[in-house]
Amino acid sequence: MAISNPFFAATNRDGLAAPANHVRAITPDSSNDLPDGVCRAICVGGAGTLDFIDAGGSSVTGFPVIVGYNPIGVKRVLTSTTATSLFALY
């Protein structure tokens, strides 16, 4: 089953280069996906590592993220993440 990623759709006129339409705080949860689906990027307040399921469904662990904008399509943020103050940008 293909994973739906709205930012790959030809009909998405905003595309990845446009500013985010909305922002949601992230509470890492190893069992549930982000409530608004795959995000276009993650804004990080405290640098560390991000453990996540990416837009394609692959599990990624120990991914280093910087404070600020990190252009990563993420479906789920796992509780083993060490980065803090996380926000999903859509």
PDB file of N, CA and C in Angstrom:
ATOM      1  N   MET A   1       0.843  -1.182   0.000  1.00  0.00           N
ATOM      2  CA  MET A   1       0.000   0.000   0.000  1.00  0.00           C
ATOM      3  C   MET A   1       0.886   1.243   0.000  1.00  0.00           C
ATOM      4  N   ALA A   2       0.636   2.124  -0.911  1.00  0.00           N
ATOM      5  CA  ALA A   2       1.422   3.359  -1.002  1.00  0.00           C
ATOM      6  C   ALA A   2       1.044   4.304   0.125  1.00  0.00           C
ATOM      7  N   ILE A   3       2.026   5.016   0.640  1.00  0.00           N
ATOM      8  CA  ILE A   3       1.798   5.994   1.689  1.00  0.00           C
ATOM      9  C   ILE A   3       1.470   7.324   1.042  1.00  0.00           C
ATOM     10  N   SER A   4       0.412   7.946   1.535  1.00  0.00           N
ATOM     11  CA  SER A   4      -0.021   9.221   0.976  1.00  0.00           C
ATOM     12  C   SER A   4       0.854  10.354   1.497  1.00  0.00           C
ATOM     13  N   ASN A   5       1.428  11.111   0.588  1.00  0.00           N
ATOM     14  CA  ASN A   5       2.209  12.293   0.944  1.00  0.00           C
ATOM     15  C   ASN A   5       1.700  13.441   0.094  1.00  0.00           C
ATOM     16  N   PRO A   6       0.931  14.367   0.695  1.00  0.00           N
ATOM     17  CA  PRO A   6       0.296  15.422  -0.088  1.00  0.00           C
ATOM     18  C   PRO A   6       1.273  16.361  -0.784  1.00  0.00           C
ATOM     19  N   PHE A   7       2.530  16.383  -0.374  1.00  0.00           N
ATOM     20  CA  PHE A   7       3.492  17.301  -0.966  1.00  0.00           C
ATOM     21  C   PHE A   7       4.081  16.781  -2.268  1.00  0.00           C
ATOM     22  N   PHE A   8       3.791  15.504  -2.609  1.00  0.00           N
ATOM     23  CA  PHE A   8       4.210  14.955  -3.887  1.00  0.00           C
ATOM     24  C   PHE A   8       3.129  15.104  -4.948  1.00  0.00           C
ATOM     25  N   ALA A   9       1.932  15.481  -4.549  1.00  0.00           N
ATOM     26  CA  ALA A   9       0.806  15.571  -5.476  1.00  0.00           C
ATOM     27  C   ALA A   9       0.999  16.728  -6.456  1.00  0.00           C
ATOM     28  N   ALA A  10       0.745  16.453  -7.717  1.00  0.00           N
ATOM     29  CA  ALA A  10       0.877  17.489  -8.747  1.00  0.00           C
ATOM     30  C   ALA A  10      -0.145  18.605  -8.532  1.00  0.00           C
ATOM     31  N   THR A  11      -1.226  18.291  -7.833  1.00  0.00           N
ATOM     32  CA  THR A  11      -2.269  19.292  -7.628  1.00  0.00           C
ATOM     33  C   THR A  11      -2.002  20.187  -6.427  1.00  0.00           C
ATOM     34  N   ASN A  12      -0.949  19.930  -5.663  1.00  0.00           N
ATOM     35  CA  ASN A  12      -0.631  20.769  -4.508  1.00  0.00           C
ATOM     36  C   ASN A  12       0.074  22.017  -5.018  1.00  0.00           C
ATOM     37  N   ARG A  13      -0.657  23.087  -5.156  1.00  0.00           N
ATOM     38  CA  ARG A  13      -0.103  24.298  -5.747  1.00  0.00           C
ATOM     39  C   ARG A  13       0.909  24.991  -4.863  1.00  0.00           C
ATOM     40  N   ASP A  14       0.895  24.717  -3.567  1.00  0.00           N
ATOM     41  CA  ASP A  14       1.856  25.354  -2.669  1.00  0.00           C
ATOM     42  C   ASP A  14       3.245  24.729  -2.787  1.00  0.00           C
ATOM     43  N   GLY A  15       3.317  23.414  -2.867  1.00  0.00           N
ATOM     44  CA  GLY A  15       4.594  22.730  -2.997  1.00  0.00           C
ATOM     45  C   GLY A  15       5.474  22.877  -1.767  1.00  0.00           C
ATOM     46  N   LEU A  16       6.622  22.270  -1.819  1.00  0.00           N
ATOM     47  CA  LEU A  16       7.542  22.288  -0.680  1.00  0.00           C
ATOM     48  C   LEU A  16       8.271  23.610  -0.509  1.00  0.00           C
ATOM     49  N   ALA A  17       8.352  24.424  -1.552  1.00  0.00           N
ATOM     50  CA  ALA A  17       9.080  25.686  -1.471  1.00  0.00           C
ATOM     51  C   ALA A  17       8.257  26.788  -0.809  1.00  0.00           C
ATOM     52  N   ALA A  18       6.968  26.580  -0.679  1.00  0.00           N
ATOM     53  CA  ALA A  18       6.088  27.595  -0.089  1.00  0.00           C
ATOM     54  C   ALA A  18       6.180  27.550   1.438  1.00  0.00           C
ATOM     55  N   PRO A  19       5.827  28.648   2.095  1.00  0.00           N
ATOM     56  CA  PRO A  19       5.795  28.635   3.569  1.00  0.00           C
ATOM     57  C   PRO A  19       4.771  27.624   4.074  1.00  0.00           C
ATOM     58  N   ALA A  20       4.945  27.184   5.287  1.00  0.00           N
ATOM     59  CA  ALA A  20       4.003  26.242   5.895  1.00  0.00           C
ATOM     60  C   ALA A  20       2.628  26.883   6.023  1.00  0.00           C
ATOM     61  N   ASN A  21       1.593  26.073   5.844  1.00  0.00           N
ATOM     62  CA  ASN A  21       0.219  26.537   6.004  1.00  0.00           C
ATOM     63  C   ASN A  21      -0.230  26.499   7.453  1.00  0.00           C
ATOM     64  N   HIS A  22       0.277  25.537   8.207  1.00  0.00           N
ATOM     65  CA  HIS A  22      -0.023  25.472   9.633  1.00  0.00           C
ATOM     66  C   HIS A  22       1.068  24.696  10.371  1.00  0.00           C
ATOM     67  N   VAL A  23       1.092  24.894  11.679  1.00  0.00           N
ATOM     68  CA  VAL A  23       2.130  24.311  12.543  1.00  0.00           C
ATOM     69  C   VAL A  23       1.442  23.592  13.697  1.00  0.00           C
ATOM     70  N   ARG A  24       1.977  22.429  14.062  1.00  0.00           N
ATOM     71  CA  ARG A  24       1.449  21.666  15.193  1.00  0.00           C
ATOM     72  C   ARG A  24       2.613  21.232  16.082  1.00  0.00           C
ATOM     73  N   ALA A  25       2.451  21.407  17.381  1.00  0.00           N
ATOM     74  CA  ALA A  25       3.446  20.891  18.322  1.00  0.00           C
ATOM     75  C   ALA A  25       3.453  19.365  18.225  1.00  0.00           C
ATOM     76  N   ILE A  26       4.648  18.784  18.357  1.00  0.00           N
ATOM     77  CA  ILE A  26       4.796  17.328  18.286  1.00  0.00           C
ATOM     78  C   ILE A  26       5.067  16.776  19.679  1.00  0.00           C
ATOM     79  N   THR A  27       4.278  15.787  20.055  1.00  0.00           N
ATOM     80  CA  THR A  27       4.565  14.973  21.234  1.00  0.00           C
ATOM     81  C   THR A  27       5.007  13.619  20.694  1.00  0.00           C
ATOM     82  N   PRO A  28       6.286  13.259  20.867  1.00  0.00           N
ATOM     83  CA  PRO A  28       6.747  11.973  20.334  1.00  0.00           C
ATOM     84  C   PRO A  28       5.868  10.820  20.821  1.00  0.00           C
ATOM     85  N   ASP A  29       5.541   9.920  19.903  1.00  0.00           N
ATOM     86  CA  ASP A  29       4.648   8.797  20.184  1.00  0.00           C
ATOM     87  C   ASP A  29       5.054   7.650  19.264  1.00  0.00           C
ATOM     88  N   SER A  30       5.559   6.586  19.834  1.00  0.00           N
ATOM     89  CA  SER A  30       6.042   5.468  19.030  1.00  0.00           C
ATOM     90  C   SER A  30       4.931   4.631  18.419  1.00  0.00           C
ATOM     91  N   SER A  31       3.690   4.845  18.845  1.00  0.00           N
ATOM     92  CA  SER A  31       2.576   4.028  18.357  1.00  0.00           C
ATOM     93  C   SER A  31       1.680   4.727  17.338  1.00  0.00           C
ATOM     94  N   ASN A  32       1.681   6.053  17.337  1.00  0.00           N
ATOM     95  CA  ASN A  32       0.745   6.787  16.485  1.00  0.00           C
ATOM     96  C   ASN A  32       1.447   7.776  15.572  1.00  0.00           C
ATOM     97  N   ASP A  33       0.895   7.906  14.359  1.00  0.00           N
ATOM     98  CA  ASP A  33       1.412   8.868  13.392  1.00  0.00           C
ATOM     99  C   ASP A  33       1.066  10.290  13.822  1.00  0.00           C
ATOM    100  N   LEU A  34       1.723  11.270  13.215  1.00  0.00           N
ATOM    101  CA  LEU A  34       1.370  12.661  13.456  1.00  0.00           C
ATOM    102  C   LEU A  34      -0.104  12.841  13.084  1.00  0.00           C
ATOM    103  N   PRO A  35      -0.872  13.535  13.909  1.00  0.00           N
ATOM    104  CA  PRO A  35      -2.319  13.611  13.679  1.00  0.00           C
ATOM    105  C   PRO A  35      -2.725  14.271  12.370  1.00  0.00           C
ATOM    106  N   ASP A  36      -1.907  15.154  11.815  1.00  0.00           N
ATOM    107  CA  ASP A  36      -2.246  15.824  10.564  1.00  0.00           C
ATOM    108  C   ASP A  36      -1.551  15.198   9.358  1.00  0.00           C
ATOM    109  N   GLY A  37      -0.994  14.009   9.516  1.00  0.00           N
ATOM    110  CA  GLY A  37      -0.342  13.308   8.419  1.00  0.00           C
ATOM    111  C   GLY A  37       1.129  13.685   8.278  1.00  0.00           C
ATOM    112  N   VAL A  38       1.696  13.342   7.140  1.00  0.00           N
ATOM    113  CA  VAL A  38       3.115  13.595   6.867  1.00  0.00           C
ATOM    114  C   VAL A  38       3.360  15.096   6.815  1.00  0.00           C
ATOM    115  N   CYS A  39       4.352  15.563   7.588  1.00  0.00           N
ATOM    116  CA  CYS A  39       4.672  16.994   7.581  1.00  0.00           C
ATOM    117  C   CYS A  39       5.740  17.289   6.534  1.00  0.00           C
ATOM    118  N   ARG A  40       5.866  18.552   6.157  1.00  0.00           N
ATOM    119  CA  ARG A  40       6.867  18.958   5.162  1.00  0.00           C
ATOM    120  C   ARG A  40       8.217  19.225   5.802  1.00  0.00           C
ATOM    121  N   ALA A  41       8.225  19.548   7.108  1.00  0.00           N
ATOM    122  CA  ALA A  41       9.473  19.842   7.819  1.00  0.00           C
ATOM    123  C   ALA A  41       9.209  19.813   9.313  1.00  0.00           C
ATOM    124  N   ILE A  42      10.297  19.783  10.086  1.00  0.00           N
ATOM    125  CA  ILE A  42      10.210  19.858  11.541  1.00  0.00           C
ATOM    126  C   ILE A  42      11.062  21.019  12.016  1.00  0.00           C
ATOM    127  N   CYS A  43      10.474  21.839  12.867  1.00  0.00           N
ATOM    128  CA  CYS A  43      11.198  22.933  13.506  1.00  0.00           C
ATOM    129  C   CYS A  43      11.604  22.438  14.891  1.00  0.00           C
ATOM    130  N   VAL A  44      12.868  22.596  15.229  1.00  0.00           N
ATOM    131  CA  VAL A  44      13.434  22.049  16.465  1.00  0.00           C
ATOM    132  C   VAL A  44      13.898  23.188  17.359  1.00  0.00           C
ATOM    133  N   GLY A  45      13.518  23.139  18.640  1.00  0.00           N
ATOM    134  CA  GLY A  45      13.947  24.147  19.611  1.00  0.00           C
ATOM    135  C   GLY A  45      15.213  23.751  20.339  1.00  0.00           C
ATOM    136  N   GLY A  46      15.427  22.452  20.530  1.00  0.00           N
ATOM    137  CA  GLY A  46      16.608  21.941  21.220  1.00  0.00           C
ATOM    138  C   GLY A  46      17.245  20.832  20.403  1.00  0.00           C
ATOM    139  N   ALA A  47      18.445  21.063  19.899  1.00  0.00           N
ATOM    140  CA  ALA A  47      19.124  20.099  19.025  1.00  0.00           C
ATOM    141  C   ALA A  47      19.283  18.744  19.698  1.00  0.00           C
ATOM    142  N   GLY A  48      19.376  17.724  18.885  1.00  0.00           N
ATOM    143  CA  GLY A  48      19.561  16.359  19.364  1.00  0.00           C
ATOM    144  C   GLY A  48      19.398  15.411  18.203  1.00  0.00           C
ATOM    145  N   THR A  49      18.896  14.226  18.502  1.00  0.00           N
ATOM    146  CA  THR A  49      18.635  13.263  17.432  1.00  0.00           C
ATOM    147  C   THR A  49      17.142  13.033  17.315  1.00  0.00           C
ATOM    148  N   LEU A  50      16.736  12.669  16.103  1.00  0.00           N
ATOM    149  CA  LEU A  50      15.338  12.403  15.815  1.00  0.00           C
ATOM    150  C   LEU A  50      15.218  10.954  15.383  1.00  0.00           C
ATOM    151  N   ASP A  51      14.354  10.214  16.050  1.00  0.00           N
ATOM    152  CA  ASP A  51      14.012   8.856  15.649  1.00  0.00           C
ATOM    153  C   ASP A  51      12.607   8.942  15.084  1.00  0.00           C
ATOM    154  N   PHE A  52      12.406   8.465  13.844  1.00  0.00           N
ATOM    155  CA  PHE A  52      11.125   8.699  13.187  1.00  0.00           C
ATOM    156  C   PHE A  52      10.832   7.677  12.104  1.00  0.00           C
ATOM    157  N   ILE A  53       9.594   7.702  11.660  1.00  0.00           N
ATOM    158  CA  ILE A  53       9.179   6.982  10.462  1.00  0.00           C
ATOM    159  C   ILE A  53       9.047   8.052   9.386  1.00  0.00           C
ATOM    160  N   ASP A  54       9.760   7.887   8.275  1.00  0.00           N
ATOM    161  CA  ASP A  54       9.751   8.926   7.249  1.00  0.00           C
ATOM    162  C   ASP A  54       8.515   8.812   6.354  1.00  0.00           C
ATOM    163  N   ALA A  55       8.389   9.738   5.425  1.00  0.00           N
ATOM    164  CA  ALA A  55       7.227   9.804   4.537  1.00  0.00           C
ATOM    165  C   ALA A  55       7.047   8.528   3.727  1.00  0.00           C
ATOM    166  N   GLY A  56       8.138   7.825   3.467  1.00  0.00           N
ATOM    167  CA  GLY A  56       8.078   6.578   2.701  1.00  0.00           C
ATOM    168  C   GLY A  56       7.813   5.345   3.544  1.00  0.00           C
ATOM    169  N   GLY A  57       7.747   5.520   4.880  1.00  0.00           N
ATOM    170  CA  GLY A  57       7.472   4.395   5.767  1.00  0.00           C
ATOM    171  C   GLY A  57       8.705   3.729   6.363  1.00  0.00           C
ATOM    172  N   SER A  58       9.893   4.258   6.096  1.00  0.00           N
ATOM    173  CA  SER A  58      11.120   3.678   6.636  1.00  0.00           C
ATOM    174  C   SER A  58      11.397   4.211   8.035  1.00  0.00           C
ATOM    175  N   SER A  59      11.947   3.355   8.884  1.00  0.00           N
ATOM    176  CA  SER A  59      12.331   3.739  10.233  1.00  0.00           C
ATOM    177  C   SER A  59      13.742   4.321  10.210  1.00  0.00           C
ATOM    178  N   VAL A  60      13.905   5.487  10.834  1.00  0.00           N
ATOM    179  CA  VAL A  60      15.201   6.168  10.883  1.00  0.00           C
ATOM    180  C   VAL A  60      15.519   6.446  12.352  1.00  0.00           C
ATOM    181  N   THR A  61      16.735   6.077  12.782  1.00  0.00           N
ATOM    182  CA  THR A  61      17.123   6.332  14.173  1.00  0.00           C
ATOM    183  C   THR A  61      18.421   7.124  14.231  1.00  0.00           C
ATOM    184  N   GLY A  62      18.517   7.965  15.245  1.00  0.00           N
ATOM    185  CA  GLY A  62      19.736   8.724  15.484  1.00  0.00           C
ATOM    186  C   GLY A  62      20.010   9.806  14.460  1.00  0.00           C
ATOM    187  N   PHE A  63      18.990  10.297  13.785  1.00  0.00           N
ATOM    188  CA  PHE A  63      19.169  11.323  12.759  1.00  0.00           C
ATOM    189  C   PHE A  63      19.437  12.663  13.442  1.00  0.00           C
ATOM    190  N   PRO A  64      20.591  13.288  13.209  1.00  0.00           N
ATOM    191  CA  PRO A  64      20.916  14.549  13.889  1.00  0.00           C
ATOM    192  C   PRO A  64      20.103  15.712  13.312  1.00  0.00           C
ATOM    193  N   VAL A  65      19.497  16.488  14.202  1.00  0.00           N
ATOM    194  CA  VAL A  65      18.740  17.665  13.775  1.00  0.00           C
ATOM    195  C   VAL A  65      19.273  18.899  14.491  1.00  0.00           C
ATOM    196  N   ILE A  66      19.240  20.011  13.791  1.00  0.00           N
ATOM    197  CA  ILE A  66      19.730  21.275  14.323  1.00  0.00           C
ATOM    198  C   ILE A  66      18.574  22.103  14.866  1.00  0.00           C
ATOM    199  N   VAL A  67      18.902  23.096  15.671  1.00  0.00           N
ATOM    200  CA  VAL A  67      17.884  24.043  16.110  1.00  0.00           C
ATOM    201  C   VAL A  67      17.431  24.815  14.881  1.00  0.00           C
ATOM    202  N   GLY A  68      16.135  24.886  14.675  1.00  0.00           N
ATOM    203  CA  GLY A  68      15.586  25.580  13.526  1.00  0.00           C
ATOM    204  C   GLY A  68      14.903  24.627  12.575  1.00  0.00           C
ATOM    205  N   TYR A  69      14.913  24.993  11.311  1.00  0.00           N
ATOM    206  CA  TYR A  69      14.178  24.303  10.252  1.00  0.00           C
ATOM    207  C   TYR A  69      14.934  23.079   9.752  1.00  0.00           C
ATOM    208  N   ASN A  70      14.259  21.935   9.750  1.00  0.00           N
ATOM    209  CA  ASN A  70      14.821  20.687   9.243  1.00  0.00           C
ATOM    210  C   ASN A  70      13.850  20.123   8.212  1.00  0.00           C
ATOM    211  N   PRO A  71      14.192  20.197   6.919  1.00  0.00           N
ATOM    212  CA  PRO A  71      13.265  19.783   5.862  1.00  0.00           C
ATOM    213  C   PRO A  71      13.199  18.258   5.706  1.00  0.00           C
ATOM    214  N   ILE A  72      12.436  17.625   6.584  1.00  0.00           N
ATOM    215  CA  ILE A  72      12.321  16.165   6.602  1.00  0.00           C
ATOM    216  C   ILE A  72      10.834  15.817   6.575  1.00  0.00           C
ATOM    217  N   GLY A  73      10.409  15.009   5.610  1.00  0.00           N
ATOM    218  CA  GLY A  73       9.032  14.521   5.577  1.00  0.00           C
ATOM    219  C   GLY A  73       8.881  13.410   6.598  1.00  0.00           C
ATOM    220  N   VAL A  74       8.126  13.674   7.647  1.00  0.00           N
ATOM    221  CA  VAL A  74       8.003  12.734   8.771  1.00  0.00           C
ATOM    222  C   VAL A  74       6.552  12.328   8.967  1.00  0.00           C
ATOM    223  N   LYS A  75       6.359  11.036   9.173  1.00  0.00           N
ATOM    224  CA  LYS A  75       5.034  10.472   9.432  1.00  0.00           C
ATOM    225  C   LYS A  75       4.792  10.264  10.924  1.00  0.00           C
ATOM    226  N   ARG A  76       5.857   9.851  11.660  1.00  0.00           N
ATOM    227  CA  ARG A  76       5.729   9.550  13.095  1.00  0.00           C
ATOM    228  C   ARG A  76       7.050   9.884  13.769  1.00  0.00           C
ATOM    229  N   VAL A  77       6.997  10.517  14.938  1.00  0.00           N
ATOM    230  CA  VAL A  77       8.191  10.807  15.741  1.00  0.00           C
ATOM    231  C   VAL A  77       8.176   9.862  16.940  1.00  0.00           C
ATOM    232  N   LEU A  78       9.245   9.099  17.092  1.00  0.00           N
ATOM    233  CA  LEU A  78       9.322   8.075  18.138  1.00  0.00           C
ATOM    234  C   LEU A  78       9.763   8.669  19.474  1.00  0.00           C
ATOM    235  N   THR A  79       9.381   7.998  20.551  1.00  0.00           N
ATOM    236  CA  THR A  79       9.668   8.499  21.898  1.00  0.00           C
ATOM    237  C   THR A  79      11.152   8.468  22.243  1.00  0.00           C
ATOM    238  N   SER A  80      11.963   7.740  21.492  1.00  0.00           N
ATOM    239  CA  SER A  80      13.403   7.690  21.750  1.00  0.00           C
ATOM    240  C   SER A  80      14.141   8.925  21.226  1.00  0.00           C
ATOM    241  N   THR A  81      13.424   9.852  20.616  1.00  0.00           N
ATOM    242  CA  THR A  81      13.988  11.110  20.121  1.00  0.00           C
ATOM    243  C   THR A  81      14.593  11.913  21.267  1.00  0.00           C
ATOM    244  N   THR A  82      15.781  12.519  21.046  1.00  0.00           N
ATOM    245  CA  THR A  82      16.395  13.350  22.094  1.00  0.00           C
ATOM    246  C   THR A  82      16.234  14.845  21.829  1.00  0.00           C
ATOM    247  N   ALA A  83      15.928  15.236  20.594  1.00  0.00           N
ATOM    248  CA  ALA A  83      15.678  16.653  20.293  1.00  0.00           C
ATOM    249  C   ALA A  83      14.414  17.102  21.029  1.00  0.00           C
ATOM    250  N   THR A  84      14.337  18.391  21.358  1.00  0.00           N
ATOM    251  CA  THR A  84      13.201  18.880  22.135  1.00  0.00           C
ATOM    252  C   THR A  84      12.513  20.061  21.430  1.00  0.00           C
ATOM    253  N   SER A  85      11.361  20.401  21.949  1.00  0.00           N
ATOM    254  CA  SER A  85      10.541  21.507  21.409  1.00  0.00           C
ATOM    255  C   SER A  85      10.351  21.340  19.906  1.00  0.00           C
ATOM    256  N   LEU A  86       9.648  20.287  19.553  1.00  0.00           N
ATOM    257  CA  LEU A  86       9.449  19.909  18.150  1.00  0.00           C
ATOM    258  C   LEU A  86       8.105  20.406  17.620  1.00  0.00           C
ATOM    259  N   PHE A  87       8.127  20.894  16.394  1.00  0.00           N
ATOM    260  CA  PHE A  87       6.923  21.372  15.739  1.00  0.00           C
ATOM    261  C   PHE A  87       6.883  20.853  14.311  1.00  0.00           C
ATOM    262  N   ALA A  88       5.723  20.326  13.914  1.00  0.00           N
ATOM    263  CA  ALA A  88       5.522  19.868  12.541  1.00  0.00           C
ATOM    264  C   ALA A  88       5.024  21.035  11.697  1.00  0.00           C
ATOM    265  N   LEU A  89       5.647  21.232  10.552  1.00  0.00           N
ATOM    266  CA  LEU A  89       5.224  22.270   9.615  1.00  0.00           C
ATOM    267  C   LEU A  89       4.530  21.603   8.439  1.00  0.00           C
ATOM    268  N   TYR A  90       3.334  22.086   8.115  1.00  0.00           N
ATOM    269  CA  TYR A  90       2.517  21.520   7.028  1.00  0.00           C
ATOM    270  C   TYR A  90       2.296  22.531   5.939  1.00  0.00           C
TER     271      TYR A  90
END
